N, C-alpha and C. Protein backbone atom coordinates (compact mmCIF):
# COMPACT_ATOMS: atom_id res chain seq x y z
N MET A 1 -9.40 -7.57 -10.73
CA MET A 1 -8.80 -7.65 -9.63
C MET A 1 -8.32 -6.22 -9.17
N LYS A 2 -8.47 -6.01 -7.80
CA LYS A 2 -8.08 -4.78 -7.38
C LYS A 2 -6.34 -4.88 -6.87
N ARG A 3 -5.74 -3.89 -7.53
CA ARG A 3 -4.15 -3.97 -7.15
C ARG A 3 -3.89 -3.03 -6.04
N VAL A 4 -3.04 -3.42 -5.01
CA VAL A 4 -2.73 -2.57 -3.81
C VAL A 4 -1.15 -2.74 -3.73
N GLY A 5 -0.34 -1.65 -3.71
CA GLY A 5 0.98 -1.72 -3.46
C GLY A 5 1.28 -1.70 -1.88
N VAL A 6 1.97 -2.46 -1.49
CA VAL A 6 2.50 -2.66 -0.05
C VAL A 6 3.77 -2.42 0.24
N GLU A 7 4.30 -1.36 1.11
CA GLU A 7 5.86 -1.48 1.62
C GLU A 7 6.26 -2.79 1.96
N GLY A 8 7.35 -3.32 1.52
CA GLY A 8 7.82 -4.78 2.06
C GLY A 8 7.88 -5.04 3.47
N THR A 9 8.03 -4.07 4.31
CA THR A 9 8.05 -4.35 5.90
C THR A 9 6.61 -4.78 6.45
N LEU A 10 5.53 -4.43 5.69
CA LEU A 10 4.25 -4.73 6.18
C LEU A 10 3.48 -5.85 5.89
N SER A 11 4.39 -7.16 6.16
CA SER A 11 3.97 -8.49 5.77
C SER A 11 2.48 -9.07 6.16
N ASP A 12 2.36 -8.49 7.56
CA ASP A 12 0.88 -8.82 8.08
C ASP A 12 -0.18 -8.23 7.10
N VAL A 13 0.08 -6.83 6.96
CA VAL A 13 -0.90 -6.20 5.93
C VAL A 13 -0.92 -6.84 4.62
N LYS A 14 -0.04 -7.16 4.01
CA LYS A 14 0.11 -7.95 2.67
C LYS A 14 -0.78 -9.08 2.95
N GLY A 15 -0.64 -10.07 3.94
CA GLY A 15 -1.39 -11.24 3.98
C GLY A 15 -2.64 -10.89 4.29
N ALA A 16 -3.07 -9.88 5.23
CA ALA A 16 -4.60 -9.56 5.17
C ALA A 16 -5.26 -9.23 3.83
N LEU A 17 -4.47 -8.42 3.25
CA LEU A 17 -5.26 -7.66 1.99
C LEU A 17 -5.54 -8.99 1.05
N GLN A 18 -4.50 -9.82 0.87
CA GLN A 18 -4.49 -11.07 0.03
C GLN A 18 -5.79 -11.62 0.47
N ASP A 19 -5.95 -12.11 1.72
CA ASP A 19 -7.05 -12.91 2.27
C ASP A 19 -8.47 -12.16 1.94
N LYS A 20 -8.51 -10.83 1.63
CA LYS A 20 -9.64 -10.25 1.44
C LYS A 20 -9.73 -10.10 -0.35
N GLY A 21 -9.16 -10.73 -1.13
CA GLY A 21 -9.04 -10.66 -2.51
C GLY A 21 -8.11 -9.68 -3.20
N TYR A 22 -7.42 -9.02 -2.50
CA TYR A 22 -6.86 -8.08 -3.27
C TYR A 22 -5.36 -8.60 -3.92
N GLU A 23 -5.04 -8.07 -5.21
CA GLU A 23 -3.80 -8.47 -5.54
C GLU A 23 -2.96 -7.54 -5.01
N VAL A 24 -1.63 -8.08 -4.40
CA VAL A 24 -0.69 -7.10 -3.78
C VAL A 24 0.64 -7.27 -4.30
N ILE A 25 1.12 -5.99 -4.61
CA ILE A 25 2.18 -5.76 -5.14
C ILE A 25 3.30 -5.29 -4.18
N GLU A 26 4.48 -6.00 -3.89
CA GLU A 26 5.51 -5.09 -2.90
C GLU A 26 6.20 -4.13 -3.57
N LEU A 27 6.12 -2.98 -2.99
CA LEU A 27 6.80 -1.77 -3.12
C LEU A 27 8.34 -1.58 -3.06
N LYS A 28 8.97 -1.74 -4.28
CA LYS A 28 10.36 -1.74 -4.05
C LYS A 28 11.09 -0.61 -4.71
N GLN A 29 10.48 0.06 -5.74
CA GLN A 29 10.76 0.96 -6.61
C GLN A 29 9.57 1.73 -7.03
N GLU A 30 9.64 2.90 -7.68
CA GLU A 30 8.56 3.80 -8.31
C GLU A 30 7.87 2.90 -9.38
N GLU A 31 8.45 2.05 -10.09
CA GLU A 31 7.79 1.62 -11.22
C GLU A 31 6.80 0.33 -10.76
N ASP A 32 7.01 0.01 -9.39
CA ASP A 32 5.96 -1.05 -8.95
C ASP A 32 4.80 -0.54 -8.76
N LEU A 33 4.62 0.75 -8.60
CA LEU A 33 3.21 1.33 -8.49
C LEU A 33 2.24 1.22 -9.53
N GLY A 34 3.02 0.88 -10.64
CA GLY A 34 2.27 0.63 -12.05
C GLY A 34 0.75 0.98 -11.83
N ASP A 35 -0.32 0.00 -12.03
CA ASP A 35 -1.60 0.37 -12.19
C ASP A 35 -2.33 0.00 -10.60
N CYS A 36 -1.55 0.28 -9.51
CA CYS A 36 -2.11 0.14 -8.16
C CYS A 36 -3.14 1.25 -7.98
N GLY A 37 -4.29 0.77 -7.28
CA GLY A 37 -5.29 1.93 -7.22
C GLY A 37 -5.01 2.58 -5.63
N CYS A 38 -4.14 1.80 -5.19
CA CYS A 38 -3.77 2.44 -3.83
C CYS A 38 -2.52 1.99 -3.18
N CYS A 39 -1.81 2.49 -2.35
CA CYS A 39 -0.53 2.06 -1.88
C CYS A 39 -0.56 2.19 -0.31
N VAL A 40 0.22 1.41 0.35
CA VAL A 40 0.24 1.45 1.86
C VAL A 40 1.74 1.57 2.19
N ILE A 41 2.05 2.52 2.96
CA ILE A 41 3.40 2.70 3.35
C ILE A 41 3.44 2.63 4.77
N SER A 42 4.60 2.33 5.45
CA SER A 42 4.90 2.02 6.87
C SER A 42 5.01 3.52 7.67
N GLY A 43 5.28 4.46 6.72
CA GLY A 43 5.17 5.51 7.68
C GLY A 43 6.57 6.13 8.12
N GLN A 44 7.56 5.17 8.21
CA GLN A 44 8.77 5.23 8.94
C GLN A 44 9.69 5.94 8.14
N ASP A 45 9.52 5.81 6.76
CA ASP A 45 10.49 6.61 5.94
C ASP A 45 9.65 7.49 5.11
N LYS A 46 9.78 8.86 4.93
CA LYS A 46 9.09 9.87 4.01
C LYS A 46 9.39 9.50 2.85
N ASP A 47 10.62 9.00 2.46
CA ASP A 47 11.00 8.88 1.19
C ASP A 47 11.09 7.37 0.62
N VAL A 48 9.74 7.00 0.68
CA VAL A 48 9.81 5.39 0.24
C VAL A 48 10.28 5.13 -1.01
N MET A 49 11.06 4.09 -1.30
CA MET A 49 11.66 3.57 -2.48
C MET A 49 12.50 4.78 -3.09
N GLY A 50 13.20 5.68 -2.36
CA GLY A 50 14.13 6.45 -2.64
C GLY A 50 13.38 7.80 -3.63
N MET A 51 12.12 7.84 -3.31
CA MET A 51 11.32 8.72 -4.27
C MET A 51 10.98 9.98 -3.30
N ALA A 52 11.48 11.08 -3.62
CA ALA A 52 11.11 12.44 -3.01
C ALA A 52 9.81 12.89 -3.62
N THR A 53 9.59 12.63 -4.71
CA THR A 53 8.29 13.02 -5.69
C THR A 53 8.03 11.85 -6.45
N THR A 54 6.78 12.05 -6.74
CA THR A 54 6.41 11.00 -7.65
C THR A 54 5.00 11.43 -8.46
N ASN A 55 4.83 10.51 -9.55
CA ASN A 55 3.61 10.82 -10.31
C ASN A 55 2.52 10.13 -10.19
N TYR A 56 2.30 9.33 -8.85
CA TYR A 56 1.51 8.52 -8.50
C TYR A 56 0.26 9.20 -8.02
N THR A 57 -0.79 8.94 -8.86
CA THR A 57 -2.21 9.71 -8.44
C THR A 57 -3.14 9.05 -7.69
N GLY A 58 -3.03 7.65 -7.18
CA GLY A 58 -3.75 6.71 -6.35
C GLY A 58 -3.70 7.33 -4.93
N SER A 59 -4.44 6.60 -4.04
CA SER A 59 -4.48 6.88 -2.67
C SER A 59 -3.16 6.39 -2.13
N VAL A 60 -2.63 7.00 -0.91
CA VAL A 60 -1.69 6.72 -0.05
C VAL A 60 -2.05 6.46 1.23
N ILE A 61 -1.71 5.27 1.89
CA ILE A 61 -2.18 5.16 3.36
C ILE A 61 -1.03 4.94 4.02
N ASN A 62 -0.93 5.81 4.96
CA ASN A 62 0.19 5.79 6.01
C ASN A 62 -0.22 4.80 7.09
N ALA A 63 0.35 3.56 7.30
CA ALA A 63 0.09 2.44 8.13
C ALA A 63 0.60 2.81 9.59
N HIS A 64 1.35 3.91 9.70
CA HIS A 64 1.89 4.11 11.33
C HIS A 64 0.74 4.27 12.24
N GLY A 65 0.96 3.44 13.21
CA GLY A 65 0.02 3.41 14.51
C GLY A 65 -1.27 2.66 14.16
N MET A 66 -1.54 1.99 12.88
CA MET A 66 -2.63 1.08 12.62
C MET A 66 -2.37 -0.20 12.54
N ASN A 67 -3.23 -1.02 12.90
CA ASN A 67 -3.13 -2.51 12.80
C ASN A 67 -3.48 -2.97 11.49
N ALA A 68 -3.50 -4.28 11.27
CA ALA A 68 -3.87 -4.81 9.87
C ALA A 68 -5.17 -4.74 9.55
N GLU A 69 -6.03 -4.97 10.39
CA GLU A 69 -7.48 -4.87 10.24
C GLU A 69 -7.97 -3.27 9.90
N GLU A 70 -7.40 -2.32 10.54
CA GLU A 70 -7.68 -0.96 10.40
C GLU A 70 -7.17 -0.50 8.91
N ILE A 71 -6.01 -1.00 8.72
CA ILE A 71 -5.59 -0.81 7.15
C ILE A 71 -6.45 -1.39 6.19
N CYS A 72 -6.75 -2.43 6.27
CA CYS A 72 -7.83 -3.18 5.28
C CYS A 72 -8.94 -2.24 5.23
N GLN A 73 -9.53 -1.81 6.14
CA GLN A 73 -10.69 -1.01 6.26
C GLN A 73 -10.47 0.39 5.45
N GLN A 74 -9.38 0.84 5.56
CA GLN A 74 -8.89 2.13 4.94
C GLN A 74 -8.69 1.84 3.43
N VAL A 75 -8.16 0.75 3.03
CA VAL A 75 -8.05 0.27 1.67
C VAL A 75 -9.43 0.05 0.97
N ASP A 76 -10.36 -0.79 1.69
CA ASP A 76 -11.58 -0.87 1.37
C ASP A 76 -12.27 0.44 0.95
N GLU A 77 -12.15 1.38 1.68
CA GLU A 77 -12.74 2.70 1.38
C GLU A 77 -12.33 3.33 0.49
N LYS A 78 -10.84 3.42 0.24
CA LYS A 78 -10.22 4.19 -0.87
C LYS A 78 -10.46 3.53 -2.45
N MET A 79 -10.76 2.03 -2.20
CA MET A 79 -10.86 1.29 -3.56
C MET A 79 -12.38 1.32 -3.85
N ALA A 80 -13.13 1.51 -2.97
CA ALA A 80 -14.59 1.54 -3.30
C ALA A 80 -15.05 2.10 -4.54
């Protein structure tokens, strides 16, 4: 199953991704990234989870200005 980390404020995105078959992990701290292939952030806080820098190597999608459907399309592209 494909794992996606999603910032907690994006509940509509979380539901949409789960409907598409993704395992969704709520991002609260750096350790939550684990083996997520992609993560979605709201874009409202540049320092998500108190991390100025991270060793995360997966794709990061900034959800600012996008709806849940557009974000799901981005995740599909990054996880393909």
